[in-house]
Protein backbone atom coordinates (compact mmCIF):
# COMPACT_ATOMS: atom_id res chain seq x y z
CA MET A 1 9.88 30.68 -13.12
CA SER A 2 12.55 28.98 -11.27
CA TYR A 3 13.79 30.59 -8.06
CA GLN A 4 16.62 29.67 -5.67
CA LYS A 5 16.72 30.31 -1.95
CA THR A 6 19.49 32.86 -1.30
CA GLN A 7 19.76 36.37 0.16
CA ALA A 8 21.15 39.37 -1.74
CA SER A 9 23.77 41.82 -0.41
CA SER A 10 26.27 44.51 -2.26
CA ALA A 11 29.86 43.54 -2.50
CA GLY A 12 32.41 45.12 -4.93
CA GLY A 13 29.61 46.14 -7.39
CA GLN A 14 27.92 42.92 -7.56
CA ILE A 15 25.30 41.14 -5.48
CA SER A 16 26.85 38.73 -3.14
CA LEU A 17 24.28 35.72 -2.09
CA VAL A 18 24.16 34.10 1.34
CA ASN A 19 21.42 32.33 3.14
CA SER A 20 21.16 30.51 6.45
CA PHE A 21 18.68 28.06 7.49
CA ARG A 22 18.17 26.74 10.91
CA ALA A 23 17.21 23.16 11.45
CA ARG A 24 17.12 20.57 14.38
CA GLY A 25 20.97 20.02 14.79
CA PRO A 26 23.61 21.92 13.08
CA LEU A 27 23.13 25.32 11.31
CA LEU A 28 23.25 24.89 7.66
CA VAL A 29 24.63 27.73 5.65
CA LEU A 30 24.48 27.78 1.85
CA PHE A 31 26.66 30.09 -0.17
CA ALA A 32 26.37 31.33 -3.69
CA LEU A 33 28.16 33.95 -5.29
CA SER A 34 27.55 36.72 -7.81
CA ILE A 35 25.33 36.43 -10.77
CA SER A 36 26.65 32.93 -11.60
CA ALA A 37 24.89 31.52 -8.42
CA CYS A 38 25.15 27.68 -8.13
CA ARG A 39 21.82 25.98 -7.92
CA GLN A 40 21.04 23.97 -4.73
CA ALA A 41 18.66 21.27 -3.57
CA PRO A 42 15.26 22.62 -2.13
CA ASP A 43 15.48 23.27 1.54
CA PRO A 44 12.20 23.13 3.54
CA GLY A 45 13.58 25.22 6.39
CA PRO A 46 12.65 28.94 6.79
CA PHE A 47 14.99 31.76 5.45
CA ILE A 48 16.34 33.19 8.92
CA PRO A 49 19.04 36.00 8.80
CA SER A 50 22.10 34.75 10.62
CA ASP A 51 22.50 35.73 14.40
CA ASP A 52 26.01 36.67 13.89
CA GLU A 53 25.13 40.08 12.06
CA PRO A 54 26.00 42.69 14.65
CA SER A 55 24.63 45.55 12.36
CA VAL A 56 20.97 44.34 12.47
CA VAL A 57 19.08 46.84 14.06
CA VAL A 58 17.19 45.49 17.29
CA VAL A 59 14.23 47.59 18.79
CA SER A 60 12.91 46.51 22.04
CA ASN A 61 9.27 45.45 21.78
CA PRO A 62 7.44 43.65 24.60
CA ALA A 63 5.32 41.85 22.38
CA ASN A 64 8.00 39.33 21.60
CA GLY A 65 7.87 37.96 25.31
CA PRO A 66 10.39 37.88 28.02
CA GLY A 67 13.82 36.33 27.31
CA LYS A 68 13.70 36.44 23.63
CA ASP A 69 15.37 38.51 21.07
CA SER A 70 13.50 41.71 20.87
CA ARG A 71 12.91 43.08 17.33
CA GLU A 72 10.43 45.67 15.98
CA ILE A 73 7.55 44.11 14.47
CA TRP A 74 6.58 45.17 10.77
CA ALA A 75 3.40 45.12 9.27
CA THR A 76 4.26 42.54 6.28
CA THR A 77 7.25 40.43 5.54
CA ALA A 78 8.36 39.19 2.04
CA VAL A 79 10.92 36.77 0.70
CA TYR A 80 11.59 37.82 -2.88
CA GLU A 81 13.05 35.18 -5.07
CA CYS A 82 14.58 36.42 -8.41
CA ALA A 83 14.91 34.91 -11.90
CA ASP A 84 18.64 34.75 -11.68
CA GLY A 85 18.57 32.69 -8.54
CA SER A 86 19.04 35.54 -6.02
CA SER A 87 16.57 36.58 -3.29
CA PHE A 88 16.17 39.03 -0.42
CA LEU A 89 13.98 39.73 2.61
CA VAL A 90 11.98 42.72 3.13
CA GLU A 91 9.86 43.96 5.97
CA TYR A 92 7.24 46.61 5.40
CA ALA A 93 5.65 49.42 7.31
CA GLU A 94 3.39 52.16 5.92
CA ASP A 95 6.18 54.74 5.17
CA LYS A 96 9.40 52.52 4.97
CA ALA A 97 10.89 49.10 4.32
CA ARG A 98 13.57 47.17 6.00
CA LEU A 99 15.88 45.48 3.89
CA VAL A 100 18.02 42.71 5.49
CA LEU A 101 21.52 42.06 3.97
CA PRO A 102 24.27 39.77 5.27
CA LYS A 103 26.48 42.56 6.63
CA ARG A 104 23.99 45.43 7.23
CA THR A 105 20.24 46.17 7.49
CA LEU A 106 18.67 49.17 5.80
CA VAL A 107 15.75 51.01 6.65
CA LEU A 108 14.50 52.77 3.31
CA PRO A 109 11.99 55.53 3.44
CA ARG A 110 9.03 55.43 1.06
CA VAL A 111 9.34 58.05 -1.77
CA PRO A 112 6.64 59.14 -4.48
CA SER A 113 5.88 56.74 -7.06
CA ALA A 114 3.40 56.56 -9.83
CA SER A 115 2.35 53.04 -9.00
CA GLY A 116 3.39 50.36 -6.31
CA GLY A 117 5.73 51.03 -3.58
CA LYS A 118 9.11 52.60 -4.01
CA TYR A 119 11.69 52.94 -1.34
CA GLN A 120 15.28 54.59 -1.66
CA GLY A 121 18.31 55.43 0.16
CA ASP A 122 21.99 54.57 0.73
CA ASN A 123 22.47 53.75 -3.31
CA VAL A 124 19.72 51.17 -2.84
CA LEU A 125 16.39 51.42 -4.72
CA LEU A 126 13.45 48.91 -3.86
CA TRP A 127 10.36 49.08 -6.06
CA SER A 128 7.41 46.68 -5.32
CA LYS A 129 3.97 46.12 -6.80
CA GLY A 130 1.70 43.44 -5.78
CA GLU A 131 3.89 40.21 -5.09
CA GLU A 132 6.64 41.29 -7.57
CA ALA A 133 9.67 43.63 -6.76
CA THR A 134 12.79 44.87 -8.22
CA ILE A 135 15.95 45.87 -6.21
CA GLU A 136 19.14 47.98 -7.28
CA ILE A 137 22.08 48.04 -5.22
CA ASP A 138 25.00 50.32 -6.20
CA GLY A 139 23.70 50.33 -9.77
CA LEU A 140 23.17 46.55 -10.04
CA ARG A 141 19.60 45.67 -10.72
CA ARG A 142 17.66 42.52 -10.00
CA SER A 143 14.13 42.08 -11.51
CA GLU A 144 11.33 39.48 -12.13
CA CYS A 145 11.54 38.78 -8.25
CA GLY A 146 8.43 37.23 -6.78
CA ASN A 147 7.39 36.94 -3.13
CA ASN A 148 7.40 33.34 -1.86
CA LYS A 149 4.54 33.44 0.47
CA ALA A 150 5.46 30.18 2.25
CA ARG A 151 9.02 31.18 3.12
CA ALA A 152 7.72 34.63 4.20
CA ALA A 153 5.42 32.91 6.67
CA TRP A 154 8.31 30.92 8.20
CA VAL A 155 10.62 34.16 8.22
CA ARG A 156 7.86 36.35 10.05
CA ALA A 157 7.21 33.54 12.60
CA ARG A 158 10.93 33.45 13.60
CA LEU A 159 11.28 37.23 13.60
CA THR A 160 8.03 37.88 15.75
CA GLY A 161 9.17 35.43 18.56
CA ILE A 162 7.33 32.24 17.52
CA ASP A 163 9.09 29.15 19.06
CA PHE A 164 7.85 26.38 17.17
CA ARG A 165 5.70 26.15 13.89
CA ALA A 166 4.22 23.18 12.21
CA LEU A 167 2.17 22.38 8.85
CA GLY A 168 -0.24 19.65 8.16
CA ASN A 169 -2.47 18.51 5.39
CA GLU A 170 -5.87 17.02 4.63
CA PRO A 171 -7.15 19.48 5.57
CA GLY A 172 -4.49 21.95 5.75
CA TRP A 173 -3.43 23.41 8.93
CA VAL A 174 -0.72 25.55 10.62
CA LEU A 175 0.29 25.64 14.21
CA GLU A 176 2.50 28.40 16.04
CA ILE A 177 3.50 28.21 19.72
CA ASP A 178 4.67 31.32 21.41
CA GLU A 179 5.71 29.53 24.41
CA GLY A 180 4.68 31.80 27.52
CA ARG A 181 2.27 33.87 25.63
CA SER A 182 -0.15 31.98 23.23
CA VAL A 183 -0.84 29.19 21.06
CA ALA A 184 -2.67 29.64 17.62
CA PHE A 185 -4.02 26.60 15.42
CA VAL A 186 -5.62 27.31 12.09
CA THR A 187 -7.46 24.44 10.40
CA ASP A 188 -9.43 23.58 7.46
CA TYR A 189 -7.14 25.42 5.01
CA GLY A 190 -7.48 28.49 6.91
CA GLN A 191 -11.24 28.60 7.57
CA ARG A 192 -11.13 27.80 11.29
CA HIS A 193 -8.84 29.75 13.85
CA HIS A 194 -8.21 28.38 17.39
CA ALA A 195 -6.61 30.84 19.92
CA PHE A 196 -5.47 29.84 23.14
CA GLY A 197 -3.33 31.45 25.97
CA PRO A 198 0.12 30.30 27.25
CA PRO A 199 0.51 26.45 26.74
CA HIS A 200 1.53 24.23 29.79
CA ARG A 201 4.54 22.02 28.89
CA ARG A 202 4.66 18.71 30.63
CA ALA A 203 7.63 17.42 32.33
CA ALA A 204 9.89 15.44 30.12
CA GLU A 205 9.09 11.72 30.31
CA VAL A 206 11.06 10.55 27.16
CA PRO A 207 14.13 12.36 25.59
CA GLY A 208 13.21 13.82 22.30
CA ARG A 209 9.68 14.18 23.11
CA THR A 210 7.97 17.48 24.17
CA VAL A 211 4.39 17.70 25.19
CA PHE A 212 2.32 20.87 25.43
CA GLU A 213 -1.21 21.31 26.62
CA VAL A 214 -3.62 24.28 26.40
CA ASN A 215 -7.51 24.93 26.98
CA ASN A 216 -9.84 27.79 26.10
CA ASP A 217 -13.39 28.06 26.72
CA GLU A 218 -14.45 25.67 24.01
CA ASP A 219 -11.52 23.11 23.24
CA LYS A 220 -8.51 21.38 24.58
CA LEU A 221 -5.29 21.10 22.47
CA GLU A 222 -2.64 18.43 23.03
CA VAL A 223 0.80 18.96 21.02
CA VAL A 224 3.28 16.35 20.87
CA LEU A 225 6.52 17.09 19.21
CA LEU A 226 9.03 14.28 18.29
CA ASP A 227 12.60 15.08 17.49
CA THR A 228 12.39 12.71 14.48
CA PRO A 229 12.92 13.55 10.81
CA CYS A 230 9.44 14.12 9.20
CA ARG A 231 8.61 14.43 5.50
CA ASP A 232 5.38 16.36 4.46
CA ASP A 233 3.29 13.98 2.62
CA MET A 234 2.17 16.39 0.01
CA SER A 235 5.20 18.42 -0.68
CA GLY A 236 7.70 15.90 0.30
CA GLU A 237 9.78 18.55 1.99
CA ARG A 238 11.83 17.53 5.17
CA TYR A 239 11.58 18.86 8.68
CA PRO A 240 13.36 17.96 11.86
CA VAL A 241 10.32 17.51 14.16
CA GLU A 242 6.99 15.44 13.90
CA ALA A 243 4.09 17.01 15.36
CA ARG A 244 0.97 15.11 16.41
CA LEU A 245 -2.09 17.08 17.71
CA VAL A 246 -5.32 16.33 19.22
CA LEU A 247 -7.98 18.81 19.23
CA ALA A 248 -11.58 18.06 20.43
CA GLY A 249 -10.94 14.39 19.78
CA ARG A 250 -9.67 14.89 16.26
CA SER A 251 -6.06 13.92 15.60
CA TYR A 252 -3.56 15.77 13.22
CA ARG A 253 -0.09 14.81 12.16
CA GLY A 254 2.33 17.19 10.39
CA CYS A 255 5.95 18.41 10.26
CA GLY A 256 7.70 21.44 11.73
CA GLN A 257 10.61 22.92 13.76
CA TRP A 258 11.71 25.05 16.43
CA LEU A 259 12.63 28.52 15.40
CA GLN A 260 14.63 30.20 18.20
CA GLY A 261 18.21 29.72 19.52
CA ASP A 262 19.92 26.88 17.74
CA GLY A 263 16.80 25.52 16.48
CA SER A 264 16.58 22.68 19.01
CA ALA A 265 13.92 22.03 21.70
CA PRO A 266 14.43 24.40 24.57
């Protein structure tokens, strides 16, 4: 099934689509309208709701760290991409779901359902089962929508306050830096988890180069981030930052991007 990276909202009885991607440099905003949404080239960047949406509900949560946009942290995050080219973002809790639209954010209570999860309110119906979902807004339904787990991981990282995220291959690994709080480095295709405390940022020696160092009881991790275009050597996707890591004498190379603010290195 072919999917397009967009976000759904209700407008005049139809679902209007807008998606904003943050990357190193300018904010790229991609628009597509209604059912006849135009196709666009794949973009490696994560789906991030626009910061200029004043109706987004913000709940203070100290887990997001000082100086960051505080948001309520939900149990799971999903980015559903539908067969017609539309997509939408949902965050789930046990008894409710948070649906993010371009002009408003809806918190839908869970209602009884014979199977799967059903959430309803404000002329909006969301039904999910496994990794599939159907959404209905003002009587207009979108079905055959599947969760893109890779995109959802980027979204969740952004919304939970992660400052930088990177991916690498051979073997597959993921790095997440929450500056001032922690570093998580998962290697060997998710088999090994390395948890660290707050990283130390070295004083800038060269423009466009950021270096972090962090230790735990067993390992030392060095992270070098270069503001240079980077292509994933397996997927071919492009990212704005090249990441070079050294853990216990072993080197890793991958690609990533800054997730907070304007997407540039703070």
